[in-house]
Each structure stands twice: as structure tokens, then as C-alpha cells.
Amino acid sequence: MTDDTTRDEHAKTPEVTGDDFSDAETADDRMEDPDSSDAKPASELSREEVKKVLYAILFMSDKPVSPARLTQVFDDMDPDVLGMIMLELKESINQRSDLPYQLVEVAGGYQLLTRSEFSRYIRKFFQIRKSNRLSRSLLETLAVIAYKQPVTRAEVEAIRGVSVSYAFDQLLEKRLIRVAGVSDLPGRPKLYRTTEEFLVTFGLNSLKDLPSPDELKLYES
């Protein structure tokens, strides 16, 4: 993920209540049934039409969309061809400076994220604060788990030299780590790994893209 995108400000569909639908026609009311006989099979869509479908899916999704999920939508299309079209869409979107967002690869999928220059205004509008800032204690504990996973709590404590019970509780609550099984060590202690939320928070496509310890410090509160 490039430095000019942020996760916590990506576009979301506005929340609406039942009253909003009482006197107004919705977009769904005007849309044709996607399963109607007029709908084209994926094999008959032009390259530009496929891009538009991909764009629409990405625009509506509030989470990264995996290639496997997209392949299910275009069930009769070659996955390699679909991947090439997605890369073309990514290039066409990201080279447009008039768009307030970019298409990035994160957590093994694709997601539309707003550009960083708009982050302060979006946070002010929604009156939200950055949620990806971590204390030094949490960050150091998370770094050990990320680079040593799968790892037990005792192993993390041995490396850090302090109790990590509170840090583990906080990281579990933030969904940055998860229980990934049990160890063969005496007592069968739990093993922990980082999560997809961890990848999204740090803008990583996979664990191969783990930042250096110095880069991790940028997330410190």
C-alpha cells in the first residue's frame, strides 16, 4: 500500500433509516433484477463492461475484496484474464488526480481508499480519531507476535521481559491478533497469530510485506 492512502478514511455508504425510504424512490427500485434474462453472462461482457462491474463491487465493499471472491462473480471467466483487467482498472483509477481515492492492494485483496491529503477533513467531518495508534507496549508486543508467529504468550513474555497479559487482551479486543491453535509444549498453551485486520491496519498485502521495526514506530501514540 502506498503512503498516499489511509485506511480509516475510506469511502463508506451513508447510513440511512427507514424514514429515508418512505417518500423517495431508491436506487434499488430503479435497478433491474441482476438475475433477469437480460443480464449478460460474464463471457459476453466487453473488457470495459467488466471493469465497470469490478468498479461497482469495489465501490460498494467496505472491506478488501479478494481475487477468489471476484472469480465467483465472473464464474465463467479465466481468473488470469480477470486479474489483468483488475490491474488495468487499478492503473486507470490511480493515475486520475481528480479522484479523491485510490485502488490499493491490501490484506490479499483490493480496496478503494481515500487519499491521505483528505484525511484530516474526513476525520473532522465524522468526528473520529485515528484508531490505528498503539501504545509503545502494545506495539512492541504486536511486533514480537508478527515476526515470531505462531507464538505463545509465555514466549512473548520471555522476549519482552515483562507481563503481556494486558497487551494481549487489548490486541485481541482490537482484532489485531487471534488464537491459532495450541502448542505441543507442556500445558498445551495457546498459539497466537496476527489477523487480516492487522494487515489492513498496517496497509500490508501479506506478511511478506511486514514493515521494519522503525516503520512500526510510526503507529505509536
C-alpha atoms as a PDB file:
ATOM      1  CA  MET A   1       0.000   0.000   0.000  1.00  0.00           C
ATOM      2  CA  THR A   2       1.345   3.402  -0.926  1.00  0.00           C
ATOM      3  CA  ASP A   3       1.942   6.186   1.551  1.00  0.00           C
ATOM      4  CA  ASP A   4      -0.716   8.404  -0.018  1.00  0.00           C
ATOM      5  CA  THR A   5      -3.640   6.312   1.165  1.00  0.00           C
ATOM      6  CA  THR A   6      -5.236   5.788   4.570  1.00  0.00           C
ATOM      7  CA  ARG A   7      -7.446   3.012   5.785  1.00  0.00           C
ATOM      8  CA  ASP A   8      -9.574   4.742   8.382  1.00  0.00           C
ATOM      9  CA  GLU A   9     -10.955   7.305   5.949  1.00  0.00           C
ATOM     10  CA  HIS A  10     -12.014   5.088   3.074  1.00  0.00           C
ATOM     11  CA  ALA A  11     -15.367   5.766   1.460  1.00  0.00           C
ATOM     12  CA  LYS A  12     -18.425   4.151   3.025  1.00  0.00           C
ATOM     13  CA  THR A  13     -22.067   4.049   2.050  1.00  0.00           C
ATOM     14  CA  PRO A  14     -24.019   6.655   4.080  1.00  0.00           C
ATOM     15  CA  GLU A  15     -26.257   5.232   6.799  1.00  0.00           C
ATOM     16  CA  VAL A  16     -29.962   5.601   6.112  1.00  0.00           C
ATOM     17  CA  THR A  17     -33.060   4.969   8.180  1.00  0.00           C
ATOM     18  CA  GLY A  18     -36.432   3.602   7.265  1.00  0.00           C
ATOM     19  CA  ASP A  19     -37.845   7.133   7.040  1.00  0.00           C
ATOM     20  CA  ASP A  20     -35.449   7.885   4.209  1.00  0.00           C
ATOM     21  CA  PHE A  21     -37.275   5.396   2.005  1.00  0.00           C
ATOM     22  CA  SER A  22     -40.848   6.446   2.758  1.00  0.00           C
ATOM     23  CA  ASP A  23     -41.308   9.122   0.099  1.00  0.00           C
ATOM     24  CA  ALA A  24     -38.371   8.568  -2.209  1.00  0.00           C
ATOM     25  CA  GLU A  25     -37.521   6.111  -4.935  1.00  0.00           C
ATOM     26  CA  THR A  26     -34.392   4.156  -4.122  1.00  0.00           C
ATOM     27  CA  ALA A  27     -31.597   3.126  -6.451  1.00  0.00           C
ATOM     28  CA  ASP A  28     -32.685  -0.475  -5.937  1.00  0.00           C
ATOM     29  CA  ASP A  29     -36.164   0.404  -7.191  1.00  0.00           C
ATOM     30  CA  ARG A  30     -34.661   1.597 -10.444  1.00  0.00           C
ATOM     31  CA  MET A  31     -32.211  -1.271 -10.868  1.00  0.00           C
ATOM     32  CA  GLU A  32     -33.048  -4.267 -12.985  1.00  0.00           C
ATOM     33  CA  ASP A  33     -33.003  -7.684 -11.406  1.00  0.00           C
ATOM     34  CA  PRO A  34     -29.393  -8.923 -11.917  1.00  0.00           C
ATOM     35  CA  ASP A  35     -30.741 -12.425 -12.451  1.00  0.00           C
ATOM     36  CA  SER A  36     -33.164 -11.329 -15.181  1.00  0.00           C
ATOM     37  CA  SER A  37     -32.975 -12.788 -18.669  1.00  0.00           C
ATOM     38  CA  ASP A  38     -31.483  -9.515 -19.941  1.00  0.00           C
ATOM     39  CA  ALA A  39     -28.335  -9.923 -17.836  1.00  0.00           C
ATOM     40  CA  LYS A  40     -25.297 -10.883 -19.892  1.00  0.00           C
ATOM     41  CA  PRO A  41     -23.130 -13.832 -18.898  1.00  0.00           C
ATOM     42  CA  ALA A  42     -19.598 -12.760 -17.977  1.00  0.00           C
ATOM     43  CA  SER A  43     -18.180 -14.285 -21.164  1.00  0.00           C
ATOM     44  CA  GLU A  44     -20.217 -11.816 -23.249  1.00  0.00           C
ATOM     45  CA  LEU A  45     -19.147  -8.705 -21.370  1.00  0.00           C
ATOM     46  CA  SER A  46     -16.654  -6.427 -23.041  1.00  0.00           C
ATOM     47  CA  ARG A  47     -13.419  -5.582 -21.249  1.00  0.00           C
ATOM     48  CA  GLU A  48     -14.771  -2.128 -20.347  1.00  0.00           C
ATOM     49  CA  GLU A  49     -18.024  -3.617 -19.042  1.00  0.00           C
ATOM     50  CA  VAL A  50     -16.077  -5.984 -16.785  1.00  0.00           C
ATOM     51  CA  LYS A  51     -14.126  -3.004 -15.437  1.00  0.00           C
ATOM     52  CA  LYS A  52     -17.378  -1.217 -14.627  1.00  0.00           C
ATOM     53  CA  VAL A  53     -18.699  -4.256 -12.751  1.00  0.00           C
ATOM     54  CA  LEU A  54     -15.446  -4.528 -10.799  1.00  0.00           C
ATOM     55  CA  TYR A  55     -15.536  -0.809 -10.041  1.00  0.00           C
ATOM     56  CA  ALA A  56     -19.106  -1.079  -8.744  1.00  0.00           C
ATOM     57  CA  ILE A  57     -18.248  -4.022  -6.486  1.00  0.00           C
ATOM     58  CA  LEU A  58     -15.205  -2.239  -5.046  1.00  0.00           C
ATOM     59  CA  PHE A  59     -17.188   0.957  -4.534  1.00  0.00           C
ATOM     60  CA  MET A  60     -19.839  -0.849  -2.503  1.00  0.00           C
ATOM     61  CA  SER A  61     -17.493  -3.007  -0.414  1.00  0.00           C
ATOM     62  CA  ASP A  62     -16.297  -1.755   2.986  1.00  0.00           C
ATOM     63  CA  LYS A  63     -13.625  -4.465   3.144  1.00  0.00           C
ATOM     64  CA  PRO A  64     -10.851  -5.659   0.820  1.00  0.00           C
ATOM     65  CA  VAL A  65     -12.264  -7.822  -1.979  1.00  0.00           C
ATOM     66  CA  SER A  66     -10.206 -10.940  -2.672  1.00  0.00           C
ATOM     67  CA  PRO A  67      -9.494 -12.236  -6.207  1.00  0.00           C
ATOM     68  CA  ALA A  68     -11.182 -15.511  -5.254  1.00  0.00           C
ATOM     69  CA  ARG A  69     -14.383 -13.649  -4.354  1.00  0.00           C
ATOM     70  CA  LEU A  70     -14.325 -11.795  -7.663  1.00  0.00           C
ATOM     71  CA  THR A  71     -13.799 -15.030  -9.559  1.00  0.00           C
ATOM     72  CA  GLN A  72     -17.082 -16.282  -8.082  1.00  0.00           C
ATOM     73  CA  VAL A  73     -18.857 -13.280  -9.607  1.00  0.00           C
ATOM     74  CA  PHE A  74     -17.339 -13.956 -13.043  1.00  0.00           C
ATOM     75  CA  ASP A  75     -17.647 -17.718 -12.780  1.00  0.00           C
ATOM     76  CA  ASP A  76     -17.050 -18.400 -16.475  1.00  0.00           C
ATOM     77  CA  MET A  77     -14.057 -16.075 -16.903  1.00  0.00           C
ATOM     78  CA  ASP A  78     -10.393 -17.046 -16.798  1.00  0.00           C
ATOM     79  CA  PRO A  79      -9.007 -15.869 -13.397  1.00  0.00           C
ATOM     80  CA  ASP A  80      -5.777 -14.707 -15.067  1.00  0.00           C
ATOM     81  CA  VAL A  81      -7.716 -12.550 -17.514  1.00  0.00           C
ATOM     82  CA  LEU A  82      -9.797 -11.139 -14.666  1.00  0.00           C
ATOM     83  CA  GLY A  83      -6.608 -10.347 -12.757  1.00  0.00           C
ATOM     84  CA  MET A  84      -5.197  -8.449 -15.733  1.00  0.00           C
ATOM     85  CA  ILE A  85      -8.399  -6.433 -16.076  1.00  0.00           C
ATOM     86  CA  MET A  86      -8.255  -5.576 -12.370  1.00  0.00           C
ATOM     87  CA  LEU A  87      -4.690  -4.300 -12.764  1.00  0.00           C
ATOM     88  CA  GLU A  88      -5.811  -2.173 -15.724  1.00  0.00           C
ATOM     89  CA  LEU A  89      -8.622  -0.753 -13.591  1.00  0.00           C
ATOM     90  CA  LYS A  90      -6.184  -0.051 -10.764  1.00  0.00           C
ATOM     91  CA  GLU A  91      -3.872   1.834 -13.105  1.00  0.00           C
ATOM     92  CA  SER A  92      -6.675   3.849 -14.679  1.00  0.00           C
ATOM     93  CA  ILE A  93      -8.074   4.874 -11.276  1.00  0.00           C
ATOM     94  CA  ASN A  94      -4.744   5.679  -9.625  1.00  0.00           C
ATOM     95  CA  GLN A  95      -3.476   7.866 -12.448  1.00  0.00           C
ATOM     96  CA  ARG A  96      -6.501  10.160 -12.171  1.00  0.00           C
ATOM     97  CA  SER A  97      -5.639  13.056  -9.869  1.00  0.00           C
ATOM     98  CA  ASP A  98      -9.243  14.284  -9.913  1.00  0.00           C
ATOM     99  CA  LEU A  99     -10.417  11.294  -7.864  1.00  0.00           C
ATOM    100  CA  PRO A 100     -10.235  11.584  -4.045  1.00  0.00           C
ATOM    101  CA  TYR A 101      -9.444   7.878  -3.676  1.00  0.00           C
ATOM    102  CA  GLN A 102      -7.132   5.186  -4.998  1.00  0.00           C
ATOM    103  CA  LEU A 103      -7.393   1.449  -5.603  1.00  0.00           C
ATOM    104  CA  VAL A 104      -4.861  -0.383  -3.445  1.00  0.00           C
ATOM    105  CA  GLU A 105      -3.917  -3.987  -2.740  1.00  0.00           C
ATOM    106  CA  VAL A 106      -4.321  -4.737   0.957  1.00  0.00           C
ATOM    107  CA  ALA A 107      -4.860  -7.899   3.034  1.00  0.00           C
ATOM    108  CA  GLY A 108      -4.704 -10.069  -0.071  1.00  0.00           C
ATOM    109  CA  GLY A 109      -7.465  -8.141  -1.838  1.00  0.00           C
ATOM    110  CA  TYR A 110      -8.397  -4.830  -3.418  1.00  0.00           C
ATOM    111  CA  GLN A 111      -9.995  -1.811  -1.762  1.00  0.00           C
ATOM    112  CA  LEU A 112     -10.810   1.800  -2.607  1.00  0.00           C
ATOM    113  CA  LEU A 113      -9.181   4.091  -0.037  1.00  0.00           C
ATOM    114  CA  THR A 114      -9.257   7.878   0.185  1.00  0.00           C
ATOM    115  CA  ARG A 115      -6.077   9.824  -0.406  1.00  0.00           C
ATOM    116  CA  SER A 116      -4.176  10.937   2.672  1.00  0.00           C
ATOM    117  CA  GLU A 117      -4.496  14.657   1.900  1.00  0.00           C
ATOM    118  CA  PHE A 118      -8.202  14.439   2.723  1.00  0.00           C
ATOM    119  CA  SER A 119      -7.821  12.501   5.981  1.00  0.00           C
ATOM    120  CA  ARG A 120      -7.955  15.438   8.430  1.00  0.00           C
ATOM    121  CA  TYR A 121     -11.133  16.784   6.867  1.00  0.00           C
ATOM    122  CA  ILE A 122     -12.840  13.399   6.775  1.00  0.00           C
ATOM    123  CA  ARG A 123     -11.942  12.731  10.419  1.00  0.00           C
ATOM    124  CA  LYS A 124     -13.271  16.148  11.376  1.00  0.00           C
ATOM    125  CA  PHE A 125     -16.493  15.565   9.425  1.00  0.00           C
ATOM    126  CA  PHE A 126     -17.183  12.262  11.142  1.00  0.00           C
ATOM    127  CA  GLN A 127     -15.627  13.475  14.385  1.00  0.00           C
ATOM    128  CA  ILE A 128     -13.489  10.412  14.604  1.00  0.00           C
ATOM    129  CA  ARG A 129      -9.919   9.982  15.713  1.00  0.00           C
ATOM    130  CA  LYS A 130      -7.274   7.733  14.317  1.00  0.00           C
ATOM    131  CA  SER A 131      -7.871   4.244  15.618  1.00  0.00           C
ATOM    132  CA  ASN A 132      -4.627   2.685  14.452  1.00  0.00           C
ATOM    133  CA  ARG A 133      -2.390   4.378  17.041  1.00  0.00           C
ATOM    134  CA  LEU A 134      -0.966   1.964  19.559  1.00  0.00           C
ATOM    135  CA  SER A 135       0.899   2.490  22.817  1.00  0.00           C
ATOM    136  CA  ARG A 136       4.574   1.524  22.907  1.00  0.00           C
ATOM    137  CA  SER A 137       3.732  -1.540  24.994  1.00  0.00           C
ATOM    138  CA  LEU A 138       1.079  -2.766  22.554  1.00  0.00           C
ATOM    139  CA  LEU A 139       3.268  -2.031  19.559  1.00  0.00           C
ATOM    140  CA  GLU A 140       6.258  -3.914  20.945  1.00  0.00           C
ATOM    141  CA  THR A 141       4.092  -6.900  21.870  1.00  0.00           C
ATOM    142  CA  LEU A 142       2.424  -6.893  18.458  1.00  0.00           C
ATOM    143  CA  ALA A 143       5.813  -6.721  16.735  1.00  0.00           C
ATOM    144  CA  VAL A 144       7.025  -9.826  18.573  1.00  0.00           C
ATOM    145  CA  ILE A 145       3.881 -11.727  17.614  1.00  0.00           C
ATOM    146  CA  ALA A 146       4.070 -10.571  13.993  1.00  0.00           C
ATOM    147  CA  TYR A 147       7.679 -11.602  13.483  1.00  0.00           C
ATOM    148  CA  LYS A 148       7.652 -14.781  15.617  1.00  0.00           C
ATOM    149  CA  GLN A 149       4.167 -16.182  14.856  1.00  0.00           C
ATOM    150  CA  PRO A 150       2.781 -18.604  15.721  1.00  0.00           C
ATOM    151  CA  VAL A 151       3.891 -17.854  19.257  1.00  0.00           C
ATOM    152  CA  THR A 152       2.696 -18.456  22.818  1.00  0.00           C
ATOM    153  CA  ARG A 153       2.101 -15.748  25.408  1.00  0.00           C
ATOM    154  CA  ALA A 154       4.951 -17.134  27.542  1.00  0.00           C
ATOM    155  CA  GLU A 155       7.349 -16.895  24.590  1.00  0.00           C
ATOM    156  CA  VAL A 156       6.395 -13.262  24.042  1.00  0.00           C
ATOM    157  CA  GLU A 157       6.901 -12.517  27.744  1.00  0.00           C
ATOM    158  CA  ALA A 158      10.319 -14.183  27.628  1.00  0.00           C
ATOM    159  CA  ILE A 159      11.352 -11.938  24.735  1.00  0.00           C
ATOM    160  CA  ARG A 160       9.928  -8.729  26.205  1.00  0.00           C
ATOM    161  CA  GLY A 161      10.865  -9.489  29.807  1.00  0.00           C
ATOM    162  CA  VAL A 162       7.545  -8.203  31.178  1.00  0.00           C
ATOM    163  CA  SER A 163       3.974  -9.432  31.588  1.00  0.00           C
ATOM    164  CA  VAL A 164       1.972  -9.112  28.359  1.00  0.00           C
ATOM    165  CA  SER A 165      -1.472 -10.108  29.682  1.00  0.00           C
ATOM    166  CA  TYR A 166      -2.937  -6.616  29.298  1.00  0.00           C
ATOM    167  CA  ALA A 167      -1.321  -6.144  25.894  1.00  0.00           C
ATOM    168  CA  PHE A 168      -2.724  -9.461  24.643  1.00  0.00           C
ATOM    169  CA  ASP A 169      -6.203  -8.549  25.893  1.00  0.00           C
ATOM    170  CA  GLN A 170      -6.057  -5.215  24.082  1.00  0.00           C
ATOM    171  CA  LEU A 171      -4.723  -6.696  20.854  1.00  0.00           C
ATOM    172  CA  LEU A 172      -7.406  -9.376  20.894  1.00  0.00           C
ATOM    173  CA  GLU A 173     -10.069  -6.724  21.502  1.00  0.00           C
ATOM    174  CA  LYS A 174      -8.746  -4.691  18.571  1.00  0.00           C
ATOM    175  CA  ARG A 175      -8.805  -7.876  16.481  1.00  0.00           C
ATOM    176  CA  LEU A 176      -5.135  -7.496  15.585  1.00  0.00           C
ATOM    177  CA  ILE A 177      -4.259 -10.990  16.857  1.00  0.00           C
ATOM    178  CA  ARG A 178      -6.149 -14.272  17.182  1.00  0.00           C
ATOM    179  CA  VAL A 179      -5.808 -17.718  18.734  1.00  0.00           C
ATOM    180  CA  ALA A 180      -4.406 -20.011  16.056  1.00  0.00           C
ATOM    181  CA  GLY A 181      -4.221 -23.346  17.861  1.00  0.00           C
ATOM    182  CA  VAL A 182      -2.295 -24.891  20.733  1.00  0.00           C
ATOM    183  CA  SER A 183       1.375 -25.669  21.219  1.00  0.00           C
ATOM    184  CA  ASP A 184       2.879 -29.093  21.848  1.00  0.00           C
ATOM    185  CA  LEU A 185       4.678 -27.636  24.875  1.00  0.00           C
ATOM    186  CA  PRO A 186       3.711 -28.847  28.374  1.00  0.00           C
ATOM    187  CA  GLY A 187       0.335 -27.466  29.363  1.00  0.00           C
ATOM    188  CA  ARG A 188      -0.665 -27.048  25.718  1.00  0.00           C
ATOM    189  CA  PRO A 189      -0.549 -23.212  25.745  1.00  0.00           C
ATOM    190  CA  LYS A 190      -2.418 -21.273  23.068  1.00  0.00           C
ATOM    191  CA  LEU A 191      -0.658 -20.110  19.927  1.00  0.00           C
ATOM    192  CA  TYR A 192      -1.293 -16.634  18.556  1.00  0.00           C
ATOM    193  CA  ARG A 193      -1.083 -15.133  15.075  1.00  0.00           C
ATOM    194  CA  THR A 194      -1.851 -11.754  13.544  1.00  0.00           C
ATOM    195  CA  THR A 195      -5.155 -11.272  11.699  1.00  0.00           C
ATOM    196  CA  GLU A 196      -6.428  -9.865   8.431  1.00  0.00           C
ATOM    197  CA  GLU A 197      -7.333  -6.752  10.421  1.00  0.00           C
ATOM    198  CA  PHE A 198      -3.627  -6.441  11.253  1.00  0.00           C
ATOM    199  CA  LEU A 199      -2.790  -6.463   7.527  1.00  0.00           C
ATOM    200  CA  VAL A 200      -5.447  -3.860   6.788  1.00  0.00           C
ATOM    201  CA  THR A 201      -4.392  -1.609   9.690  1.00  0.00           C
ATOM    202  CA  PHE A 202      -0.757  -1.559   8.574  1.00  0.00           C
ATOM    203  CA  GLY A 203      -1.564  -1.451   4.861  1.00  0.00           C
ATOM    204  CA  LEU A 204       0.046  -4.799   4.096  1.00  0.00           C
ATOM    205  CA  ASN A 205      -0.925  -7.137   1.291  1.00  0.00           C
ATOM    206  CA  SER A 206       0.641 -10.123   3.062  1.00  0.00           C
ATOM    207  CA  LEU A 207       3.024 -10.943   5.918  1.00  0.00           C
ATOM    208  CA  LYS A 208       5.858 -10.789   3.393  1.00  0.00           C
ATOM    209  CA  ASP A 209       5.352  -7.026   3.409  1.00  0.00           C
ATOM    210  CA  LEU A 210       5.931  -6.644   7.147  1.00  0.00           C
ATOM    211  CA  PRO A 211       7.492  -3.254   7.926  1.00  0.00           C
ATOM    212  CA  SER A 212      10.805  -2.808   9.658  1.00  0.00           C
ATOM    213  CA  PRO A 213      10.797  -2.084  13.414  1.00  0.00           C
ATOM    214  CA  ASP A 214      11.468   1.608  12.617  1.00  0.00           C
ATOM    215  CA  GLU A 215       8.423   1.770  10.339  1.00  0.00           C
ATOM    216  CA  LEU A 216       6.268   0.200  13.048  1.00  0.00           C
ATOM    217  CA  LYS A 217       7.109   3.133  15.313  1.00  0.00           C
ATOM    218  CA  LEU A 218       5.054   5.400  13.045  1.00  0.00           C
ATOM    219  CA  TYR A 219       1.935   3.789  14.570  1.00  0.00           C
ATOM    220  CA  GLU A 220       2.994   4.570  18.101  1.00  0.00           C
ATOM    221  CA  SER A 221       0.813   7.028  20.018  1.00  0.00           C
END
